[in-house]
Amino acid sequence: MGAGGDDTTAAGKGVGAMEVSSSTTTSPGAAPPPAPSVLRSVLLSYAYVGIWISLSFSVIVYNKYILDPKMYGWPFPISLTMIHMGFCASLAAALVRVLRVVDVPSSPPMTPRLYAASVVPIGALYALSLWFSNSAYIYLSVSFIQMLKALMPVAVYSLAVALRTDAFRRASMLNMLGISAGVAVAAYGEARFDAFGVTLQLAAVAAEATRLVLIQILLTSRGLKLNPITSLYYIAPCCLAFLTVPWYAVELPRLRAAAAASPGGQLPRPDVFVFGTNSLCAFALNLAVFLLVGKTSALTMNVAGVVKDWLLIAFSWTVIKDTVTPVNLVGYGIAFLGVAYYNHAKLQGLKAKEAERKQAAAVPKTDDDEEAGARLLPDNKDAAAGDAASGHKN
């Protein structure tokens, strides 16, 4: 956790901390107490991390509960995803157009041409990612899905190299091979291995990795910056429209068959409370991402995601009673070390860039203790957004 916050220095926090500490007198030989503003920032950072882990954990477990035939028993992942997108699109529109909590981007403005060229491809990939990932919960355990998600850095880096948005480095590729080998060992030891479920999850990882790389190519490179609320405002309606195609071809016949088999001949109706609270959790998760990345960094979210994955594996094993074998744990342990090294390399790269930026700007450095606390809140949001390409949403 702590490593994820050492990447960059917050805007104004380093200077503010230096001003506070310069006016504080301490006894000789005693370490100066941290500045109140820095301490408050550190506590808030950990609070944002806790909120994000809790909401992400809740959404994953909630989706599993709804989709698993042995639990709530609603095995219609496209319908569930469409409910999520409809709810998020409506609430995002209310926040943007009615309450005006956030402003739509104006530089550059979102024109129909820009929307078709940039947002539509991302919306299509988002629809595929959500469809495949939610479908996998029907066939695979929560713990095994988290292990497979460790392949996300591998997919993102490979696509980035192929599309020339990142440079090929032998050390990075060896790291990716190590992560892949760990996931392969975990899959070999999976007690409830389902080839179709694994295919769905791998397809979800591929679609999400492609979406994240395209965000950098189609949005970030054009200067279009979207926070999670404006992202949902633009992408959720497009995603909903794309989901209607597989819903009509794949899920509507199943819904009709379920209706024909039911005593009343009616389509299965989702419980308003269950699906409403589930959709609200999904939307709240996007707000938590906004807080976490906006107030700390995307690298912090990646490190927190590793903690969340271990918690989910423990929850799946102890509460849901999914089988987690020793081979599972050994394989995921290998993948975990690879992901940890990947995050460490990212951190070192960000620190090197920050050092270069400081040297170029000739900004006086703060004391080590104050700077270590201030780095939890980076001012380089573009660098943080780039690190999001190595993470995953849920």
Protein backbone atom coordinates (compact mmCIF):
# COMPACT_ATOMS: atom_id res chain seq x y z
CA MET A 1 0.00 0.00 0.00
CA GLY A 2 2.57 2.48 1.05
CA ALA A 3 4.62 1.99 -2.10
CA GLY A 4 1.77 3.06 -4.26
CA GLY A 5 1.78 6.53 -2.79
CA ASP A 6 5.47 7.32 -3.38
CA ASP A 7 5.20 8.10 -7.08
CA THR A 8 4.77 11.88 -7.32
CA THR A 9 4.33 15.00 -5.25
CA ALA A 10 1.04 16.76 -4.76
CA ALA A 11 0.31 20.14 -6.29
CA GLY A 12 1.04 22.72 -3.68
CA LYS A 13 1.23 20.19 -0.83
CA GLY A 14 5.02 20.10 -0.78
CA VAL A 15 5.25 23.88 -0.62
CA GLY A 16 2.51 24.11 1.97
CA ALA A 17 4.17 21.48 4.11
CA MET A 18 7.48 23.31 3.91
CA GLU A 19 5.86 26.57 5.00
CA VAL A 20 4.20 24.94 8.00
CA SER A 21 7.32 23.12 9.13
CA SER A 22 9.47 26.22 8.80
CA SER A 23 7.34 28.02 11.37
CA THR A 24 7.37 25.13 13.85
CA THR A 25 10.06 24.89 16.50
CA THR A 26 11.22 21.52 17.73
CA SER A 27 13.64 20.47 20.40
CA PRO A 28 17.20 19.63 19.28
CA GLY A 29 17.60 16.06 18.16
CA ALA A 30 13.84 15.39 18.04
CA ALA A 31 12.18 14.53 14.74
CA PRO A 32 9.80 17.31 13.66
CA PRO A 33 6.13 16.31 13.76
CA PRO A 34 4.42 15.99 10.36
CA ALA A 35 2.60 19.05 9.15
CA PRO A 36 -1.14 18.93 9.89
CA SER A 37 -2.03 19.37 6.22
CA VAL A 38 0.23 16.48 5.20
CA LEU A 39 -1.07 14.23 8.00
CA ARG A 40 -4.64 15.02 6.99
CA SER A 41 -3.80 14.21 3.37
CA VAL A 42 -2.28 10.88 4.35
CA LEU A 43 -5.31 9.93 6.44
CA LEU A 44 -7.67 10.94 3.64
CA SER A 45 -5.64 8.88 1.16
CA TYR A 46 -6.03 5.76 3.27
CA ALA A 47 -9.73 6.54 3.69
CA TYR A 48 -10.15 6.74 -0.11
CA VAL A 49 -8.32 3.43 -0.48
CA GLY A 50 -10.58 1.79 2.12
CA ILE A 51 -13.74 3.11 0.43
CA TRP A 52 -12.62 1.88 -2.98
CA ILE A 53 -11.65 -1.58 -1.71
CA SER A 54 -14.99 -1.91 0.14
CA LEU A 55 -17.09 -0.89 -2.88
CA SER A 56 -15.10 -2.93 -5.38
CA PHE A 57 -15.29 -5.94 -3.06
CA SER A 58 -19.07 -5.42 -2.65
CA VAL A 59 -19.78 -5.12 -6.39
CA ILE A 60 -17.85 -8.29 -7.23
CA VAL A 61 -19.49 -10.35 -4.48
CA TYR A 62 -22.93 -8.86 -5.26
CA ASN A 63 -22.62 -9.73 -8.97
CA LYS A 64 -21.56 -13.25 -8.06
CA TYR A 65 -24.55 -13.57 -5.74
CA ILE A 66 -27.01 -12.45 -8.44
CA LEU A 67 -25.58 -14.45 -11.34
CA ASP A 68 -24.69 -17.73 -9.62
CA PRO A 69 -27.49 -20.30 -10.19
CA LYS A 70 -26.84 -21.70 -6.67
CA MET A 71 -27.40 -18.29 -5.00
CA TYR A 72 -29.90 -15.68 -6.22
CA GLY A 73 -30.15 -17.52 -9.54
CA TRP A 74 -30.43 -14.83 -12.24
CA PRO A 75 -28.13 -16.28 -14.94
CA PHE A 76 -28.64 -13.40 -17.40
CA PRO A 77 -25.40 -11.38 -17.35
CA ILE A 78 -26.25 -9.18 -20.35
CA SER A 79 -29.53 -8.12 -18.77
CA LEU A 80 -27.74 -7.35 -15.50
CA THR A 81 -25.12 -5.30 -17.33
CA MET A 82 -27.82 -3.41 -19.25
CA ILE A 83 -29.55 -2.57 -15.97
CA HIS A 84 -26.24 -1.25 -14.64
CA MET A 85 -25.60 0.85 -17.75
CA GLY A 86 -29.12 2.24 -17.85
CA PHE A 87 -28.94 3.22 -14.19
CA CYS A 88 -25.45 4.75 -14.51
CA ALA A 89 -26.33 6.64 -17.69
CA SER A 90 -29.45 8.13 -16.10
CA LEU A 91 -27.71 9.11 -12.88
CA ALA A 92 -24.69 10.52 -14.73
CA ALA A 93 -26.98 12.59 -16.96
CA ALA A 94 -28.71 13.97 -13.86
CA LEU A 95 -25.37 14.87 -12.24
CA VAL A 96 -24.02 16.51 -15.40
CA ARG A 97 -27.10 18.20 -16.90
CA VAL A 98 -29.44 18.82 -13.95
CA LEU A 99 -27.29 19.15 -10.83
CA ARG A 100 -24.18 20.26 -12.77
CA VAL A 101 -21.84 18.56 -10.33
CA VAL A 102 -19.18 18.35 -13.05
CA ASP A 103 -18.74 20.15 -16.36
CA VAL A 104 -18.55 18.48 -19.74
CA PRO A 105 -15.16 18.84 -21.46
CA SER A 106 -14.88 22.01 -23.52
CA SER A 107 -11.29 21.80 -24.73
CA PRO A 108 -11.69 20.06 -27.10
CA PRO A 109 -15.51 20.02 -27.21
CA MET A 110 -17.29 16.71 -27.66
CA THR A 111 -18.51 16.96 -31.25
CA PRO A 112 -20.48 14.19 -33.00
CA ARG A 113 -17.43 13.42 -35.11
CA LEU A 114 -15.17 13.14 -32.06
CA TYR A 115 -17.79 11.03 -30.28
CA ALA A 116 -18.03 8.59 -33.20
CA ALA A 117 -14.27 8.34 -33.61
CA SER A 118 -13.26 8.16 -29.94
CA VAL A 119 -16.12 7.20 -27.65
CA VAL A 120 -17.98 4.66 -29.80
CA PRO A 121 -15.05 2.19 -30.12
CA ILE A 122 -14.39 2.46 -26.38
CA GLY A 123 -18.08 1.93 -25.63
CA ALA A 124 -18.14 -1.19 -27.80
CA LEU A 125 -15.12 -2.67 -26.04
CA TYR A 126 -16.57 -1.75 -22.64
CA ALA A 127 -19.75 -3.62 -23.53
CA LEU A 128 -17.75 -6.72 -24.48
CA SER A 129 -15.62 -6.49 -21.34
CA LEU A 130 -18.62 -6.24 -19.01
CA TRP A 131 -20.59 -8.92 -20.85
CA PHE A 132 -17.75 -11.48 -20.75
CA SER A 133 -16.60 -10.69 -17.21
CA ASN A 134 -20.10 -10.89 -15.71
CA SER A 135 -20.79 -14.10 -17.64
CA ALA A 136 -17.68 -15.71 -16.14
CA TYR A 137 -19.19 -15.53 -12.63
CA ILE A 138 -21.71 -18.18 -13.68
CA TYR A 139 -18.98 -20.72 -14.38
CA LEU A 140 -15.99 -19.81 -12.19
CA SER A 141 -15.34 -19.12 -8.53
CA VAL A 142 -14.64 -15.59 -7.32
CA SER A 143 -11.16 -16.58 -6.18
CA PHE A 144 -10.15 -18.08 -9.54
CA ILE A 145 -11.49 -15.06 -11.44
CA GLN A 146 -9.26 -12.77 -9.36
CA MET A 147 -6.30 -14.98 -10.22
CA LEU A 148 -7.07 -14.75 -13.93
CA LYS A 149 -7.36 -10.97 -13.66
CA ALA A 150 -3.67 -10.87 -12.77
CA LEU A 151 -3.10 -11.21 -16.52
CA MET A 152 -4.29 -7.63 -17.09
CA PRO A 153 -0.79 -6.05 -16.99
CA VAL A 154 0.37 -8.72 -19.47
CA ALA A 155 -2.43 -7.91 -21.91
CA VAL A 156 -2.04 -4.13 -21.55
CA TYR A 157 1.73 -4.15 -21.99
CA SER A 158 1.61 -6.54 -24.96
CA LEU A 159 -1.02 -4.42 -26.73
CA ALA A 160 0.83 -1.20 -25.91
CA VAL A 161 4.00 -2.59 -27.46
CA ALA A 162 2.10 -3.89 -30.50
CA LEU A 163 0.42 -0.50 -31.03
CA ARG A 164 3.69 1.34 -30.27
CA THR A 165 2.37 3.31 -27.33
CA ASP A 166 5.05 1.72 -25.13
CA ALA A 167 8.58 0.57 -25.79
CA PHE A 168 9.63 -3.07 -25.77
CA ARG A 169 11.87 -3.88 -22.81
CA ARG A 170 13.29 -7.32 -22.23
CA ALA A 171 12.98 -7.05 -18.43
CA SER A 172 9.31 -6.07 -18.73
CA MET A 173 8.55 -8.93 -21.11
CA LEU A 174 10.26 -11.43 -18.81
CA ASN A 175 8.15 -10.05 -15.99
CA MET A 176 5.01 -10.56 -18.08
CA LEU A 177 6.05 -14.16 -18.81
CA GLY A 178 6.50 -14.73 -15.07
CA ILE A 179 2.99 -13.43 -14.36
CA SER A 180 1.58 -15.64 -17.12
CA ALA A 181 3.40 -18.68 -15.73
CA GLY A 182 1.96 -18.02 -12.27
CA VAL A 183 -1.58 -17.77 -13.64
CA ALA A 184 -1.03 -20.98 -15.61
CA VAL A 185 0.01 -22.78 -12.41
CA ALA A 186 -3.06 -21.41 -10.62
CA ALA A 187 -5.28 -22.62 -13.46
CA TYR A 188 -3.66 -26.06 -13.32
CA GLY A 189 -4.55 -26.32 -9.64
CA GLU A 190 -8.12 -25.04 -9.99
CA ALA A 191 -10.62 -27.54 -8.56
CA ARG A 192 -13.60 -26.17 -10.53
CA PHE A 193 -11.85 -25.51 -13.83
CA ASP A 194 -14.32 -24.69 -16.60
CA ALA A 195 -12.85 -24.12 -20.07
CA PHE A 196 -15.76 -21.98 -21.25
CA GLY A 197 -15.65 -19.82 -18.13
CA VAL A 198 -11.88 -19.34 -18.51
CA THR A 199 -12.40 -18.38 -22.16
CA LEU A 200 -14.98 -15.78 -21.13
CA GLN A 201 -12.69 -14.25 -18.50
CA LEU A 202 -9.69 -14.17 -20.83
CA ALA A 203 -11.87 -12.51 -23.49
CA ALA A 204 -12.94 -9.96 -20.86
CA VAL A 205 -9.29 -9.25 -20.01
CA ALA A 206 -8.43 -8.83 -23.71
CA ALA A 207 -11.39 -6.49 -24.32
CA GLU A 208 -10.64 -4.41 -21.22
CA ALA A 209 -6.93 -4.17 -22.05
CA THR A 210 -7.75 -3.03 -25.58
CA ARG A 211 -10.17 -0.45 -24.19
CA LEU A 212 -7.57 0.94 -21.79
CA VAL A 213 -4.94 1.21 -24.52
CA LEU A 214 -7.44 2.88 -26.88
CA ILE A 215 -8.33 5.39 -24.16
CA GLN A 216 -4.72 6.55 -24.29
CA ILE A 217 -4.71 6.63 -28.10
CA LEU A 218 -8.17 8.04 -28.82
CA LEU A 219 -8.85 10.26 -25.80
CA THR A 220 -5.71 11.19 -23.86
CA SER A 221 -3.60 11.90 -26.96
CA ARG A 222 -6.30 14.27 -28.22
CA GLY A 223 -6.38 16.19 -24.96
CA LEU A 224 -9.86 14.94 -23.97
CA LYS A 225 -9.95 14.32 -20.22
CA LEU A 226 -12.95 12.51 -18.73
CA ASN A 227 -13.48 11.76 -15.06
CA PRO A 228 -15.60 8.72 -14.14
CA ILE A 229 -18.85 10.75 -14.10
CA THR A 230 -18.38 12.30 -17.54
CA SER A 231 -17.02 8.96 -18.78
CA LEU A 232 -20.28 7.28 -17.76
CA TYR A 233 -22.24 10.22 -19.20
CA TYR A 234 -20.73 9.62 -22.65
CA ILE A 235 -19.85 5.91 -22.62
CA ALA A 236 -22.74 4.28 -20.70
CA PRO A 237 -25.46 5.09 -23.31
CA CYS A 238 -23.15 3.86 -26.09
CA CYS A 239 -22.36 0.71 -24.12
CA LEU A 240 -26.07 0.13 -23.49
CA ALA A 241 -26.79 0.42 -27.21
CA PHE A 242 -24.11 -2.13 -28.09
CA LEU A 243 -25.35 -4.55 -25.43
CA THR A 244 -28.78 -4.70 -27.05
CA VAL A 245 -27.29 -6.68 -29.97
CA PRO A 246 -26.04 -9.72 -27.98
CA TRP A 247 -29.04 -9.38 -25.65
CA TYR A 248 -31.45 -9.77 -28.57
CA ALA A 249 -29.47 -12.61 -30.16
CA VAL A 250 -28.34 -14.55 -27.06
CA GLU A 251 -30.36 -13.69 -23.99
CA LEU A 252 -33.85 -12.80 -25.21
CA PRO A 253 -34.49 -16.37 -26.48
CA ARG A 254 -33.39 -17.71 -23.08
CA LEU A 255 -35.69 -15.26 -21.29
CA ARG A 256 -38.60 -16.35 -23.50
CA ALA A 257 -37.79 -20.00 -22.82
CA ALA A 258 -37.73 -19.30 -19.08
CA ALA A 259 -41.07 -17.51 -19.41
CA ALA A 260 -42.59 -20.46 -21.28
CA ALA A 261 -41.39 -22.85 -18.60
CA SER A 262 -42.77 -20.74 -15.74
CA PRO A 263 -46.29 -21.47 -14.42
CA GLY A 264 -47.65 -18.01 -15.27
CA GLY A 265 -45.93 -17.76 -18.63
CA GLN A 266 -44.26 -14.47 -17.65
CA LEU A 267 -40.71 -13.27 -18.11
CA PRO A 268 -38.56 -13.49 -14.98
CA ARG A 269 -38.63 -10.12 -13.24
CA PRO A 270 -35.63 -8.93 -11.23
CA ASP A 271 -36.16 -7.84 -7.65
CA VAL A 272 -36.22 -4.03 -7.54
CA PHE A 273 -34.38 -3.78 -4.22
CA VAL A 274 -31.64 -6.27 -5.13
CA PHE A 275 -30.95 -4.87 -8.58
CA GLY A 276 -31.40 -1.27 -7.47
CA THR A 277 -28.85 -1.54 -4.67
CA ASN A 278 -26.54 -3.51 -6.94
CA SER A 279 -26.68 -0.76 -9.58
CA LEU A 280 -26.16 1.89 -6.91
CA CYS A 281 -23.05 0.07 -5.68
CA ALA A 282 -21.73 -0.08 -9.25
CA PHE A 283 -22.22 3.67 -9.68
CA ALA A 284 -20.71 4.42 -6.27
CA LEU A 285 -17.67 2.38 -7.29
CA ASN A 286 -17.09 4.77 -10.20
CA LEU A 287 -17.25 7.71 -7.82
CA ALA A 288 -14.76 5.95 -5.54
CA VAL A 289 -12.42 5.50 -8.51
CA PHE A 290 -12.74 9.25 -9.16
CA LEU A 291 -11.80 10.03 -5.56
CA LEU A 292 -8.98 7.50 -5.35
CA VAL A 293 -7.26 8.36 -8.64
CA GLY A 294 -7.99 12.06 -8.31
CA LYS A 295 -6.71 12.35 -4.74
CA THR A 296 -3.88 9.79 -4.83
CA SER A 297 -2.86 8.05 -8.06
CA ALA A 298 -3.83 5.20 -10.34
CA LEU A 299 -0.72 3.37 -9.16
CA THR A 300 -2.10 3.50 -5.62
CA MET A 301 -5.29 1.93 -6.95
CA ASN A 302 -3.26 -0.85 -8.59
CA VAL A 303 -1.50 -1.66 -5.32
CA ALA A 304 -4.80 -1.48 -3.42
CA GLY A 305 -6.26 -3.80 -6.03
CA VAL A 306 -3.73 -6.48 -5.08
CA VAL A 307 -4.88 -6.22 -1.45
CA LYS A 308 -8.49 -6.44 -2.59
CA ASP A 309 -7.77 -9.56 -4.64
CA TRP A 310 -6.26 -11.36 -1.63
CA LEU A 311 -9.27 -10.35 0.47
CA LEU A 312 -11.64 -11.70 -2.19
CA ILE A 313 -9.73 -14.97 -2.36
CA ALA A 314 -9.96 -15.31 1.43
CA PHE A 315 -13.67 -14.42 1.36
CA SER A 316 -14.39 -16.87 -1.45
CA TRP A 317 -12.59 -19.61 0.47
CA THR A 318 -14.04 -19.00 3.95
CA VAL A 319 -17.54 -17.62 3.31
CA ILE A 320 -18.66 -18.78 -0.14
CA LYS A 321 -16.83 -22.08 0.51
CA ASP A 322 -15.12 -22.16 -2.88
CA THR A 323 -12.26 -24.63 -3.08
CA VAL A 324 -8.84 -22.98 -3.07
CA THR A 325 -6.04 -25.53 -3.50
CA PRO A 326 -2.38 -25.12 -2.47
CA VAL A 327 -1.43 -25.13 -6.17
CA ASN A 328 -3.86 -22.23 -6.67
CA LEU A 329 -2.12 -20.24 -3.98
CA VAL A 330 1.38 -21.06 -5.22
CA GLY A 331 0.47 -20.04 -8.77
CA TYR A 332 -1.20 -16.83 -7.71
CA GLY A 333 1.72 -16.12 -5.38
CA ILE A 334 4.06 -16.25 -8.39
CA ALA A 335 1.74 -13.98 -10.36
CA PHE A 336 1.45 -11.67 -7.36
CA LEU A 337 5.21 -11.25 -7.18
CA GLY A 338 5.26 -10.42 -10.87
CA VAL A 339 2.51 -7.82 -10.50
CA ALA A 340 4.28 -6.37 -7.45
CA TYR A 341 7.49 -6.03 -9.45
CA TYR A 342 5.54 -4.42 -12.28
CA ASN A 343 4.07 -1.84 -9.89
CA HIS A 344 7.53 -1.27 -8.38
CA ALA A 345 8.99 -0.63 -11.84
CA LYS A 346 6.15 1.79 -12.58
CA LEU A 347 6.82 3.56 -9.31
CA GLN A 348 10.52 3.92 -10.08
CA GLY A 349 9.69 5.27 -13.53
CA LEU A 350 7.33 7.86 -12.09
CA LYS A 351 9.88 8.90 -9.46
CA ALA A 352 12.52 9.31 -12.17
CA LYS A 353 10.17 11.45 -14.26
CA GLU A 354 9.29 13.51 -11.21
CA ALA A 355 12.97 14.04 -10.43
CA GLU A 356 13.58 15.19 -14.00
CA ARG A 357 10.60 17.53 -13.83
CA LYS A 358 11.82 19.03 -10.55
CA GLN A 359 15.31 19.45 -11.89
CA ALA A 360 14.03 21.14 -15.02
CA ALA A 361 11.78 23.47 -13.06
CA ALA A 362 14.45 24.10 -10.41
CA VAL A 363 11.93 23.69 -7.60
CA PRO A 364 13.47 23.59 -4.10
CA LYS A 365 13.05 20.22 -2.44
CA THR A 366 11.16 19.74 0.83
CA ASP A 367 12.39 17.72 3.81
CA ASP A 368 12.38 13.96 3.31
CA ASP A 369 9.64 13.25 5.84
CA GLU A 370 7.33 15.93 4.47
CA GLU A 371 7.97 14.94 0.87
CA ALA A 372 7.28 11.28 1.63
CA GLY A 373 3.87 12.23 2.98
CA ALA A 374 3.15 14.73 0.20
CA ARG A 375 3.89 12.17 -2.49
CA LEU A 376 0.69 10.37 -1.62
CA LEU A 377 -1.13 13.07 -3.58
CA PRO A 378 0.45 13.48 -7.04
CA ASP A 379 -0.03 16.59 -9.13
CA ASN A 380 0.61 14.76 -12.36
CA LYS A 381 -2.81 13.36 -13.11
CA ASP A 382 -1.84 12.44 -16.69
CA ALA A 383 0.83 10.10 -15.35
CA ALA A 384 -1.70 8.62 -12.94
CA ALA A 385 -4.20 8.13 -15.74
CA GLY A 386 -1.57 6.32 -17.78
CA ASP A 387 -0.98 3.91 -14.92
CA ALA A 388 -4.68 3.00 -14.95
CA ALA A 389 -3.94 0.97 -18.06
CA SER A 390 -2.31 -1.66 -15.88
CA GLY A 391 -5.22 -1.99 -13.50
CA HIS A 392 -8.72 -3.36 -13.70
CA LYS A 393 -12.16 -1.86 -12.88
CA ASN A 394 -13.56 -4.36 -10.47
